[in-house]
Full PDB file with SEQRES, HELIX, SHEET, SSBOND, CRYST1, ORIGX, SCALE, CONECT and MASTER records, all heavy atoms in Angstrom:
SEQRES   1 A   36  ASN ARG PHE LEU PRO THR LEU ILE HIS GLU PHE ASN HIS          
SEQRES   2 A   36  SER PHE ILE ASN HIS TYR LEU ASP GLU SER LYS TYR PRO          
SEQRES   3 A   36  GLU HIS VAL LYS GLN LEU GLU THR ALA ALA                      
HELIX    1 AA1 LEU A    4  ILE A   16  1                                  13    
HELIX    2 AA2 ASN A   17  LEU A   20  5                                   4    
HELIX    3 AA3 PRO A   26  LEU A   32  1                                   7    
CRYST1    1.000    1.000    1.000  90.00  90.00  90.00 P 1           1          
ORIGX1      1.000000  0.000000  0.000000        0.00000                         
ORIGX2      0.000000  1.000000  0.000000        0.00000                         
ORIGX3      0.000000  0.000000  1.000000        0.00000                         
SCALE1      1.000000  0.000000  0.000000        0.00000                         
SCALE2      0.000000  1.000000  0.000000        0.00000                         
SCALE3      0.000000  0.000000  1.000000        0.00000                         
ATOM      1  N   ASN A   1      79.230  91.909 122.140  1.00  0.00           N  
ATOM      2  CA  ASN A   1      79.401  91.304 120.823  1.00  0.00           C  
ATOM      3  C   ASN A   1      78.941  92.207 119.690  1.00  0.00           C  
ATOM      4  O   ASN A   1      79.389  92.050 118.563  1.00  0.00           O  
ATOM      5  CB  ASN A   1      78.676  89.960 120.745  1.00  0.00           C  
ATOM      6  CG  ASN A   1      79.485  88.858 121.383  1.00  0.00           C  
ATOM      7  OD1 ASN A   1      80.622  89.067 121.802  1.00  0.00           O  
ATOM      8  ND2 ASN A   1      78.907  87.676 121.471  1.00  0.00           N  
ATOM      9  N   ARG A   2      78.081  93.149 119.977  1.00  0.00           N  
ATOM     10  CA  ARG A   2      77.632  94.074 118.937  1.00  0.00           C  
ATOM     11  C   ARG A   2      78.756  95.042 118.537  1.00  0.00           C  
ATOM     12  O   ARG A   2      78.894  95.387 117.375  1.00  0.00           O  
ATOM     13  CB  ARG A   2      76.420  94.849 119.437  1.00  0.00           C  
ATOM     14  CG  ARG A   2      75.682  95.536 118.320  1.00  0.00           C  
ATOM     15  CD  ARG A   2      74.369  96.135 118.781  1.00  0.00           C  
ATOM     16  NE  ARG A   2      74.445  97.550 118.480  1.00  0.00           N  
ATOM     17  CZ  ARG A   2      74.111  98.503 119.311  1.00  0.00           C  
ATOM     18  NH1 ARG A   2      73.668  98.228 120.498  1.00  0.00           N  
ATOM     19  NH2 ARG A   2      74.212  99.761 118.949  1.00  0.00           N  
ATOM     20  N   PHE A   3      79.563  95.477 119.483  1.00  0.00           N  
ATOM     21  CA  PHE A   3      80.627  96.432 119.204  1.00  0.00           C  
ATOM     22  C   PHE A   3      81.983  95.767 118.994  1.00  0.00           C  
ATOM     23  O   PHE A   3      82.878  96.363 118.407  1.00  0.00           O  
ATOM     24  CB  PHE A   3      80.750  97.448 120.349  1.00  0.00           C  
ATOM     25  CG  PHE A   3      79.528  98.290 120.514  1.00  0.00           C  
ATOM     26  CD1 PHE A   3      78.685  98.105 121.589  1.00  0.00           C  
ATOM     27  CD2 PHE A   3      79.209  99.257 119.570  1.00  0.00           C  
ATOM     28  CE1 PHE A   3      77.543  98.876 121.741  1.00  0.00           C  
ATOM     29  CE2 PHE A   3      78.066 100.032 119.719  1.00  0.00           C  
ATOM     30  CZ  PHE A   3      77.227  99.841 120.799  1.00  0.00           C  
ATOM     31  N   LEU A   4      82.128  94.568 119.485  1.00  0.00           N  
ATOM     32  CA  LEU A   4      83.425  93.899 119.427  1.00  0.00           C  
ATOM     33  C   LEU A   4      83.968  93.743 118.003  1.00  0.00           C  
ATOM     34  O   LEU A   4      85.146  94.008 117.774  1.00  0.00           O  
ATOM     35  CB  LEU A   4      83.355  92.554 120.144  1.00  0.00           C  
ATOM     36  CG  LEU A   4      84.686  91.909 120.483  1.00  0.00           C  
ATOM     37  CD1 LEU A   4      85.578  92.846 121.292  1.00  0.00           C  
ATOM     38  CD2 LEU A   4      84.456  90.620 121.253  1.00  0.00           C  
ATOM     39  N   PRO A   5      83.167  93.347 117.012  1.00  0.00           N  
ATOM     40  CA  PRO A   5      83.718  93.264 115.653  1.00  0.00           C  
ATOM     41  C   PRO A   5      84.292  94.590 115.145  1.00  0.00           C  
ATOM     42  O   PRO A   5      85.329  94.605 114.481  1.00  0.00           O  
ATOM     43  CB  PRO A   5      82.519  92.803 114.812  1.00  0.00           C  
ATOM     44  CG  PRO A   5      81.696  92.010 115.780  1.00  0.00           C  
ATOM     45  CD  PRO A   5      81.814  92.783 117.078  1.00  0.00           C  
ATOM     46  N   THR A   6      83.652  95.705 115.503  1.00  0.00           N  
ATOM     47  CA  THR A   6      84.187  97.015 115.097  1.00  0.00           C  
ATOM     48  C   THR A   6      85.521  97.281 115.780  1.00  0.00           C  
ATOM     49  O   THR A   6      86.468  97.767 115.155  1.00  0.00           O  
ATOM     50  CB  THR A   6      83.182  98.133 115.432  1.00  0.00           C  
ATOM     51  OG1 THR A   6      81.957  97.859 114.753  1.00  0.00           O  
ATOM     52  CG2 THR A   6      83.709  99.495 115.022  1.00  0.00           C  
ATOM     53  N   LEU A   7      85.604  96.960 117.046  1.00  0.00           N  
ATOM     54  CA  LEU A   7      86.858  97.133 117.776  1.00  0.00           C  
ATOM     55  C   LEU A   7      87.966  96.286 117.158  1.00  0.00           C  
ATOM     56  O   LEU A   7      89.080  96.774 116.916  1.00  0.00           O  
ATOM     57  CB  LEU A   7      86.656  96.761 119.243  1.00  0.00           C  
ATOM     58  CG  LEU A   7      87.875  96.882 120.144  1.00  0.00           C  
ATOM     59  CD1 LEU A   7      88.338  98.331 120.223  1.00  0.00           C  
ATOM     60  CD2 LEU A   7      87.570  96.339 121.529  1.00  0.00           C  
ATOM     61  N   ILE A   8      87.674  95.019 116.868  1.00  0.00           N  
ATOM     62  CA  ILE A   8      88.650  94.122 116.243  1.00  0.00           C  
ATOM     63  C   ILE A   8      89.059  94.676 114.876  1.00  0.00           C  
ATOM     64  O   ILE A   8      90.241  94.705 114.529  1.00  0.00           O  
ATOM     65  CB  ILE A   8      88.076  92.692 116.099  1.00  0.00           C  
ATOM     66  CG1 ILE A   8      87.701  92.110 117.464  1.00  0.00           C  
ATOM     67  CG2 ILE A   8      89.031  91.785 115.335  1.00  0.00           C  
ATOM     68  CD1 ILE A   8      88.833  91.982 118.435  1.00  0.00           C  
ATOM     69  N   HIS A   9      88.088  95.137 114.104  1.00  0.00           N  
ATOM     70  CA  HIS A   9      88.344  95.716 112.778  1.00  0.00           C  
ATOM     71  C   HIS A   9      89.344  96.873 112.878  1.00  0.00           C  
ATOM     72  O   HIS A   9      90.379  96.870 112.208  1.00  0.00           O  
ATOM     73  CB  HIS A   9      87.017  96.194 112.178  1.00  0.00           C  
ATOM     74  CG  HIS A   9      87.150  96.897 110.876  1.00  0.00           C  
ATOM     75  ND1 HIS A   9      86.751  96.335 109.690  1.00  0.00           N  
ATOM     76  CD2 HIS A   9      87.641  98.121 110.561  1.00  0.00           C  
ATOM     77  CE1 HIS A   9      86.994  97.185 108.703  1.00  0.00           C  
ATOM     78  NE2 HIS A   9      87.531  98.284 109.219  1.00  0.00           N  
ATOM     79  N   GLU A  10      89.022  97.832 113.705  1.00  0.00           N  
ATOM     80  CA  GLU A  10      89.883  99.019 113.811  1.00  0.00           C  
ATOM     81  C   GLU A  10      91.255  98.679 114.374  1.00  0.00           C  
ATOM     82  O   GLU A  10      92.273  99.192 113.913  1.00  0.00           O  
ATOM     83  CB  GLU A  10      89.199 100.106 114.647  1.00  0.00           C  
ATOM     84  CG  GLU A  10      87.924 100.642 114.033  1.00  0.00           C  
ATOM     85  CD  GLU A  10      88.093 101.185 112.614  1.00  0.00           C  
ATOM     86  OE1 GLU A  10      89.194 101.668 112.261  1.00  0.00           O  
ATOM     87  OE2 GLU A  10      87.113 101.140 111.851  1.00  0.00           O  
ATOM     88  N   PHE A  11      91.303  97.807 115.334  1.00  0.00           N  
ATOM     89  CA  PHE A  11      92.576  97.386 115.913  1.00  0.00           C  
ATOM     90  C   PHE A  11      93.458  96.705 114.871  1.00  0.00           C  
ATOM     91  O   PHE A  11      94.674  96.907 114.836  1.00  0.00           O  
ATOM     92  CB  PHE A  11      92.288  96.435 117.083  1.00  0.00           C  
ATOM     93  CG  PHE A  11      93.510  96.047 117.865  1.00  0.00           C  
ATOM     94  CD1 PHE A  11      94.187  96.979 118.629  1.00  0.00           C  
ATOM     95  CD2 PHE A  11      93.972  94.740 117.845  1.00  0.00           C  
ATOM     96  CE1 PHE A  11      95.310  96.624 119.365  1.00  0.00           C  
ATOM     97  CE2 PHE A  11      95.090  94.372 118.580  1.00  0.00           C  
ATOM     98  CZ  PHE A  11      95.759  95.320 119.340  1.00  0.00           C  
ATOM     99  N   ASN A  12      92.861  95.916 113.989  1.00  0.00           N  
ATOM    100  CA  ASN A  12      93.630  95.184 112.984  1.00  0.00           C  
ATOM    101  C   ASN A  12      94.278  96.081 111.938  1.00  0.00           C  
ATOM    102  O   ASN A  12      95.258  95.673 111.310  1.00  0.00           O  
ATOM    103  CB  ASN A  12      92.758  94.131 112.301  1.00  0.00           C  
ATOM    104  CG  ASN A  12      92.785  92.825 113.055  1.00  0.00           C  
ATOM    105  OD1 ASN A  12      93.840  92.316 113.371  1.00  0.00           O  
ATOM    106  ND2 ASN A  12      91.618  92.295 113.339  1.00  0.00           N  
ATOM    107  N   HIS A  13      93.757  97.269 111.734  1.00  0.00           N  
ATOM    108  CA  HIS A  13      94.391  98.163 110.757  1.00  0.00           C  
ATOM    109  C   HIS A  13      95.865  98.405 111.097  1.00  0.00           C  
ATOM    110  O   HIS A  13      96.704  98.497 110.203  1.00  0.00           O  
ATOM    111  CB  HIS A  13      93.650  99.500 110.667  1.00  0.00           C  
ATOM    112  CG  HIS A  13      92.484  99.453 109.753  1.00  0.00           C  
ATOM    113  ND1 HIS A  13      92.603  99.285 108.392  1.00  0.00           N  
ATOM    114  CD2 HIS A  13      91.154  99.541 110.015  1.00  0.00           C  
ATOM    115  CE1 HIS A  13      91.412  99.285 107.842  1.00  0.00           C  
ATOM    116  NE2 HIS A  13      90.508  99.430 108.801  1.00  0.00           N  
ATOM    117  N   SER A  14      96.189  98.479 112.376  1.00  0.00           N  
ATOM    118  CA  SER A  14      97.582  98.729 112.755  1.00  0.00           C  
ATOM    119  C   SER A  14      98.492  97.544 112.419  1.00  0.00           C  
ATOM    120  O   SER A  14      99.702  97.708 112.325  1.00  0.00           O  
ATOM    121  CB  SER A  14      97.685  99.086 114.240  1.00  0.00           C  
ATOM    122  OG  SER A  14      97.214  98.014 115.036  1.00  0.00           O  
ATOM    123  N   PHE A  15      97.910  96.376 112.218  1.00  0.00           N  
ATOM    124  CA  PHE A  15      98.700  95.198 111.851  1.00  0.00           C  
ATOM    125  C   PHE A  15      98.747  94.962 110.346  1.00  0.00           C  
ATOM    126  O   PHE A  15      99.603  94.227 109.863  1.00  0.00           O  
ATOM    127  CB  PHE A  15      98.125  93.938 112.519  1.00  0.00           C  
ATOM    128  CG  PHE A  15      98.231  93.967 114.004  1.00  0.00           C  
ATOM    129  CD1 PHE A  15      97.119  94.272 114.777  1.00  0.00           C  
ATOM    130  CD2 PHE A  15      99.437  93.716 114.634  1.00  0.00           C  
ATOM    131  CE1 PHE A  15      97.207  94.311 116.155  1.00  0.00           C  
ATOM    132  CE2 PHE A  15      99.541  93.762 116.014  1.00  0.00           C  
ATOM    133  CZ  PHE A  15      98.422  94.061 116.780  1.00  0.00           C  
ATOM    134  N   ILE A  16      97.833  95.566 109.606  1.00  0.00           N  
ATOM    135  CA  ILE A  16      97.683  95.275 108.179  1.00  0.00           C  
ATOM    136  C   ILE A  16      98.181  96.399 107.270  1.00  0.00           C  
ATOM    137  O   ILE A  16      98.900  96.154 106.309  1.00  0.00           O  
ATOM    138  CB  ILE A  16      96.193  94.975 107.855  1.00  0.00           C  
ATOM    139  CG1 ILE A  16      95.729  93.708 108.569  1.00  0.00           C  
ATOM    140  CG2 ILE A  16      95.949  94.881 106.357  1.00  0.00           C  
ATOM    141  CD1 ILE A  16      96.441  92.438 108.177  1.00  0.00           C  
ATOM    142  N   ASN A  17      97.780  97.624 107.550  1.00  0.00           N  
ATOM    143  CA  ASN A  17      97.976  98.714 106.589  1.00  0.00           C  
ATOM    144  C   ASN A  17      99.421  98.933 106.161  1.00  0.00           C  
ATOM    145  O   ASN A  17      99.680  99.295 105.015  1.00  0.00           O  
ATOM    146  CB  ASN A  17      97.404 100.014 107.136  1.00  0.00           C  
ATOM    147  CG  ASN A  17      95.894 100.000 107.190  1.00  0.00           C  
ATOM    148  OD1 ASN A  17      95.251  98.970 106.992  1.00  0.00           O  
ATOM    149  ND2 ASN A  17      95.309 101.138 107.483  1.00  0.00           N  
ATOM    150  N   HIS A  18     100.369  98.734 107.037  1.00  0.00           N  
ATOM    151  CA  HIS A  18     101.759  99.042 106.694  1.00  0.00           C  
ATOM    152  C   HIS A  18     102.332  98.128 105.611  1.00  0.00           C  
ATOM    153  O   HIS A  18     103.323  98.478 104.974  1.00  0.00           O  
ATOM    154  CB  HIS A  18     102.643  99.030 107.942  1.00  0.00           C  
ATOM    155  CG  HIS A  18     102.835  97.684 108.540  1.00  0.00           C  
ATOM    156  ND1 HIS A  18     101.922  97.109 109.381  1.00  0.00           N  
ATOM    157  CD2 HIS A  18     103.847  96.790 108.403  1.00  0.00           C  
ATOM    158  CE1 HIS A  18     102.356  95.916 109.751  1.00  0.00           C  
ATOM    159  NE2 HIS A  18     103.513  95.700 109.170  1.00  0.00           N  
ATOM    160  N   TYR A  19     101.706  96.984 105.351  1.00  0.00           N  
ATOM    161  CA  TYR A  19     102.231  96.078 104.314  1.00  0.00           C  
ATOM    162  C   TYR A  19     102.090  96.655 102.913  1.00  0.00           C  
ATOM    163  O   TYR A  19     102.730  96.165 101.977  1.00  0.00           O  
ATOM    164  CB  TYR A  19     101.555  94.705 104.387  1.00  0.00           C  
ATOM    165  CG  TYR A  19     101.983  93.923 105.599  1.00  0.00           C  
ATOM    166  CD1 TYR A  19     101.086  93.636 106.614  1.00  0.00           C  
ATOM    167  CD2 TYR A  19     103.304  93.497 105.738  1.00  0.00           C  
ATOM    168  CE1 TYR A  19     101.479  92.927 107.740  1.00  0.00           C  
ATOM    169  CE2 TYR A  19     103.703  92.794 106.867  1.00  0.00           C  
ATOM    170  CZ  TYR A  19     102.790  92.509 107.857  1.00  0.00           C  
ATOM    171  OH  TYR A  19     103.184  91.818 108.965  1.00  0.00           O  
ATOM    172  N   LEU A  20     101.275  97.686 102.749  1.00  0.00           N  
ATOM    173  CA  LEU A  20     101.171  98.346 101.451  1.00  0.00           C  
ATOM    174  C   LEU A  20     101.730  99.765 101.489  1.00  0.00           C  
ATOM    175  O   LEU A  20     101.425 100.580 100.631  1.00  0.00           O  
ATOM    176  CB  LEU A  20      99.716  98.343 100.966  1.00  0.00           C  
ATOM    177  CG  LEU A  20      99.201  96.970 100.550  1.00  0.00           C  
ATOM    178  CD1 LEU A  20      97.750  97.040 100.126  1.00  0.00           C  
ATOM    179  CD2 LEU A  20     100.061  96.368  99.455  1.00  0.00           C  
ATOM    180  N   ASP A  21     102.596 100.026 102.460  1.00  0.00           N  
ATOM    181  CA  ASP A  21     103.330 101.285 102.517  1.00  0.00           C  
ATOM    182  C   ASP A  21     104.514 101.136 101.565  1.00  0.00           C  
ATOM    183  O   ASP A  21     105.428 100.342 101.809  1.00  0.00           O  
ATOM    184  CB  ASP A  21     103.805 101.550 103.945  1.00  0.00           C  
ATOM    185  CG  ASP A  21     104.576 102.846 104.091  1.00  0.00           C  
ATOM    186  OD1 ASP A  21     105.129 103.353 103.087  1.00  0.00           O  
ATOM    187  OD2 ASP A  21     104.650 103.348 105.222  1.00  0.00           O  
ATOM    188  N   GLU A  22     104.482 101.887 100.474  1.00  0.00           N  
ATOM    189  CA  GLU A  22     105.487 101.722  99.421  1.00  0.00           C  
ATOM    190  C   GLU A  22     106.907 102.002  99.907  1.00  0.00           C  
ATOM    191  O   GLU A  22     107.865 101.421  99.408  1.00  0.00           O  
ATOM    192  CB  GLU A  22     105.156 102.614  98.226  1.00  0.00           C  
ATOM    193  CG  GLU A  22     105.958 102.252  96.999  1.00  0.00           C  
ATOM    194  CD  GLU A  22     105.389 102.837  95.733  1.00  0.00           C  
ATOM    195  OE1 GLU A  22     104.605 103.806  95.796  1.00  0.00           O  
ATOM    196  OE2 GLU A  22     105.741 102.318  94.662  1.00  0.00           O  
ATOM    197  N   SER A  23     107.068 102.857 100.901  1.00  0.00           N  
ATOM    198  CA  SER A  23     108.416 103.140 101.402  1.00  0.00           C  
ATOM    199  C   SER A  23     108.976 101.978 102.216  1.00  0.00           C  
ATOM    200  O   SER A  23     110.186 101.822 102.325  1.00  0.00           O  
ATOM    201  CB  SER A  23     108.418 104.422 102.234  1.00  0.00           C  
ATOM    202  OG  SER A  23     107.660 104.256 103.407  1.00  0.00           O  
ATOM    203  N   LYS A  24     108.091 101.146 102.793  1.00  0.00           N  
ATOM    204  CA  LYS A  24     108.541 100.015 103.604  1.00  0.00           C  
ATOM    205  C   LYS A  24     108.516  98.700 102.843  1.00  0.00           C  
ATOM    206  O   LYS A  24     109.372  97.842 103.045  1.00  0.00           O  
ATOM    207  CB  LYS A  24     107.664  99.879 104.851  1.00  0.00           C  
ATOM    208  CG  LYS A  24     107.797 101.033 105.802  1.00  0.00           C  
ATOM    209  CD  LYS A  24     106.877 100.868 106.982  1.00  0.00           C  
ATOM    210  CE  LYS A  24     106.970 102.090 107.891  1.00  0.00           C  
ATOM    211  NZ  LYS A  24     105.988 102.067 108.932  1.00  0.00           N  
ATOM    212  N   TYR A  25     107.511  98.528 101.994  1.00  0.00           N  
ATOM    213  CA  TYR A  25     107.326  97.270 101.264  1.00  0.00           C  
ATOM    214  C   TYR A  25     107.074  97.538  99.784  1.00  0.00           C  
ATOM    215  O   TYR A  25     106.010  97.212  99.252  1.00  0.00           O  
ATOM    216  CB  TYR A  25     106.157  96.474 101.853  1.00  0.00           C  
ATOM    217  CG  TYR A  25     106.390  96.009 103.261  1.00  0.00           C  
ATOM    218  CD1 TYR A  25     105.882  96.720 104.341  1.00  0.00           C  
ATOM    219  CD2 TYR A  25     107.114  94.842 103.506  1.00  0.00           C  
ATOM    220  CE1 TYR A  25     106.102  96.294 105.642  1.00  0.00           C  
ATOM    221  CE2 TYR A  25     107.332  94.405 104.807  1.00  0.00           C  
ATOM    222  CZ  TYR A  25     106.816  95.133 105.868  1.00  0.00           C  
ATOM    223  OH  TYR A  25     107.032  94.702 107.147  1.00  0.00           O  
ATOM    224  N   PRO A  26     108.055  98.133  99.103  1.00  0.00           N  
ATOM    225  CA  PRO A  26     107.832  98.463  97.686  1.00  0.00           C  
ATOM    226  C   PRO A  26     107.544  97.230  96.826  1.00  0.00           C  
ATOM    227  O   PRO A  26     106.800  97.314  95.848  1.00  0.00           O  
ATOM    228  CB  PRO A  26     109.138  99.145  97.267  1.00  0.00           C  
ATOM    229  CG  PRO A  26     110.154  98.696  98.263  1.00  0.00           C  
ATOM    230  CD  PRO A  26     109.405  98.467  99.535  1.00  0.00           C  
ATOM    231  N   GLU A  27     108.089  96.102  97.191  1.00  0.00           N  
ATOM    232  CA  GLU A  27     107.876  94.878  96.412  1.00  0.00           C  
ATOM    233  C   GLU A  27     106.423  94.408  96.520  1.00  0.00           C  
ATOM    234  O   GLU A  27     105.852  93.933  95.544  1.00  0.00           O  
ATOM    235  CB  GLU A  27     108.845  93.792  96.898  1.00  0.00           C  
ATOM    236  CG  GLU A  27     109.326  92.809  95.880  1.00  0.00           C  
ATOM    237  CD  GLU A  27     109.699  93.350  94.507  1.00  0.00           C  
ATOM    238  OE1 GLU A  27     110.403  94.365  94.377  1.00  0.00           O  
ATOM    239  OE2 GLU A  27     109.255  92.716  93.531  1.00  0.00           O  
ATOM    240  N   HIS A  28     105.825  94.550  97.683  1.00  0.00           N  
ATOM    241  CA  HIS A  28     104.412  94.190  97.840  1.00  0.00           C  
ATOM    242  C   HIS A  28     103.557  95.037  96.899  1.00  0.00           C  
ATOM    243  O   HIS A  28     102.682  94.512  96.202  1.00  0.00           O  
ATOM    244  CB  HIS A  28     103.928  94.424  99.266  1.00  0.00           C  
ATOM    245  CG  HIS A  28     104.476  93.464 100.263  1.00  0.00           C  
ATOM    246  ND1 HIS A  28     104.237  93.596 101.599  1.00  0.00           N  
ATOM    247  CD2 HIS A  28     105.232  92.351 100.144  1.00  0.00           C  
ATOM    248  CE1 HIS A  28     104.826  92.617 102.264  1.00  0.00           C  
ATOM    249  NE2 HIS A  28     105.441  91.855 101.398  1.00  0.00           N  
ATOM    250  N   VAL A  29     103.814  96.335  96.906  1.00  0.00           N  
ATOM    251  CA  VAL A  29     103.035  97.251  96.073  1.00  0.00           C  
ATOM    252  C   VAL A  29     103.237  96.900  94.605  1.00  0.00           C  
ATOM    253  O   VAL A  29     102.263  96.780  93.848  1.00  0.00           O  
ATOM    254  CB  VAL A  29     103.419  98.718  96.362  1.00  0.00           C  
ATOM    255  CG1 VAL A  29     102.750  99.661  95.388  1.00  0.00           C  
ATOM    256  CG2 VAL A  29     103.074  99.077  97.809  1.00  0.00           C  
ATOM    257  N   LYS A  30     104.470  96.698  94.222  1.00  0.00           N  
ATOM    258  CA  LYS A  30     104.787  96.390  92.821  1.00  0.00           C  
ATOM    259  C   LYS A  30     104.102  95.097  92.370  1.00  0.00           C  
ATOM    260  O   LYS A  30     103.531  95.033  91.281  1.00  0.00           O  
ATOM    261  CB  LYS A  30     106.302  96.269  92.655  1.00  0.00           C  
ATOM    262  CG  LYS A  30     106.766  95.955  91.259  1.00  0.00           C  
ATOM    263  CD  LYS A  30     108.276  95.825  91.213  1.00  0.00           C  
ATOM    264  CE  LYS A  30     108.736  95.319  89.864  1.00  0.00           C  
ATOM    265  NZ  LYS A  30     110.176  95.027  89.861  1.00  0.00           N  
ATOM    266  N   GLN A  31     104.154  94.076  93.204  1.00  0.00           N  
ATOM    267  CA  GLN A  31     103.591  92.780  92.826  1.00  0.00           C  
ATOM    268  C   GLN A  31     102.065  92.771  92.842  1.00  0.00           C  
ATOM    269  O   GLN A  31     101.447  92.017  92.098  1.00  0.00           O  
ATOM    270  CB  GLN A  31     104.112  91.695  93.764  1.00  0.00           C  
ATOM    271  CG  GLN A  31     105.575  91.389  93.582  1.00  0.00           C  
ATOM    272  CD  GLN A  31     106.045  90.328  94.555  1.00  0.00           C  
ATOM    273  OE1 GLN A  31     105.266  89.562  95.095  1.00  0.00           O  
ATOM    274  NE2 GLN A  31     107.351  90.300  94.785  1.00  0.00           N  
ATOM    275  N   LEU A  32     101.465  93.577  93.656  1.00  0.00           N  
ATOM    276  CA  LEU A  32     100.018  93.536  93.843  1.00  0.00           C  
ATOM    277  C   LEU A  32      99.269  94.569  93.013  1.00  0.00           C  
ATOM    278  O   LEU A  32      98.088  94.377  92.696  1.00  0.00           O  
ATOM    279  CB  LEU A  32      99.710  93.740  95.331  1.00  0.00           C  
ATOM    280  CG  LEU A  32      98.312  93.482  95.850  1.00  0.00           C  
ATOM    281  CD1 LEU A  32      97.807  92.109  95.432  1.00  0.00           C  
ATOM    282  CD2 LEU A  32      98.308  93.602  97.356  1.00  0.00           C  
ATOM    283  N   GLU A  33      99.929  95.621  92.617  1.00  0.00           N  
ATOM    284  CA  GLU A  33      99.256  96.775  92.024  1.00  0.00           C  
ATOM    285  C   GLU A  33      98.386  96.443  90.814  1.00  0.00           C  
ATOM    286  O   GLU A  33      97.218  96.847  90.752  1.00  0.00           O  
ATOM    287  CB  GLU A  33     100.282  97.847  91.644  1.00  0.00           C  
ATOM    288  CG  GLU A  33      99.651  99.116  91.143  1.00  0.00           C  
ATOM    289  CD  GLU A  33     100.654 100.236  90.991  1.00  0.00           C  
ATOM    290  OE1 GLU A  33     101.876  99.974  90.958  1.00  0.00           O  
ATOM    291  OE2 GLU A  33     100.200 101.383  90.903  1.00  0.00           O  
ATOM    292  N   THR A  34      98.891  95.714  89.853  1.00  0.00           N  
ATOM    293  CA  THR A  34      98.129  95.444  88.631  1.00  0.00           C  
ATOM    294  C   THR A  34      96.862  94.661  88.933  1.00  0.00           C  
ATOM    295  O   THR A  34      95.761  95.047  88.527  1.00  0.00           O  
ATOM    296  CB  THR A  34      99.000  94.690  87.600  1.00  0.00           C  
ATOM    297  OG1 THR A  34     100.144  95.499  87.300  1.00  0.00           O  
ATOM    298  CG2 THR A  34      98.229  94.410  86.335  1.00  0.00           C  
ATOM    299  N   ALA A  35      96.998  93.566  89.663  1.00  0.00           N  
ATOM    300  CA  ALA A  35      95.828  92.734  89.986  1.00  0.00           C  
ATOM    301  C   ALA A  35      94.837  93.503  90.854  1.00  0.00           C  
ATOM    302  O   ALA A  35      93.621  93.458  90.615  1.00  0.00           O  
ATOM    303  CB  ALA A  35      96.276  91.464  90.681  1.00  0.00           C  
ATOM    304  N   ALA A  36      95.337  94.195  91.852  1.00  0.00           N  
ATOM    305  CA  ALA A  36      94.445  94.923  92.757  1.00  0.00           C  
ATOM    306  C   ALA A  36      93.733  96.060  92.030  1.00  0.00           C  
ATOM    307  O   ALA A  36      92.565  96.349  92.327  1.00  0.00           O  
ATOM    308  CB  ALA A  36      95.228  95.447  93.953  1.00  0.00           C  
TER     309      ALA A  36                                                      
MASTER        0    0    0    3    0    0    0    6  308    1    0    3          
END                                                                             
């Protein structure tokens, strides 16, 4: 349990990061950029 959260964290990057890839999801970037 001490290392598991880190493992889950790193594993989740492969499911999350691509949603802000401008070449794949330009609308996400456009809609989120100002607020973020």
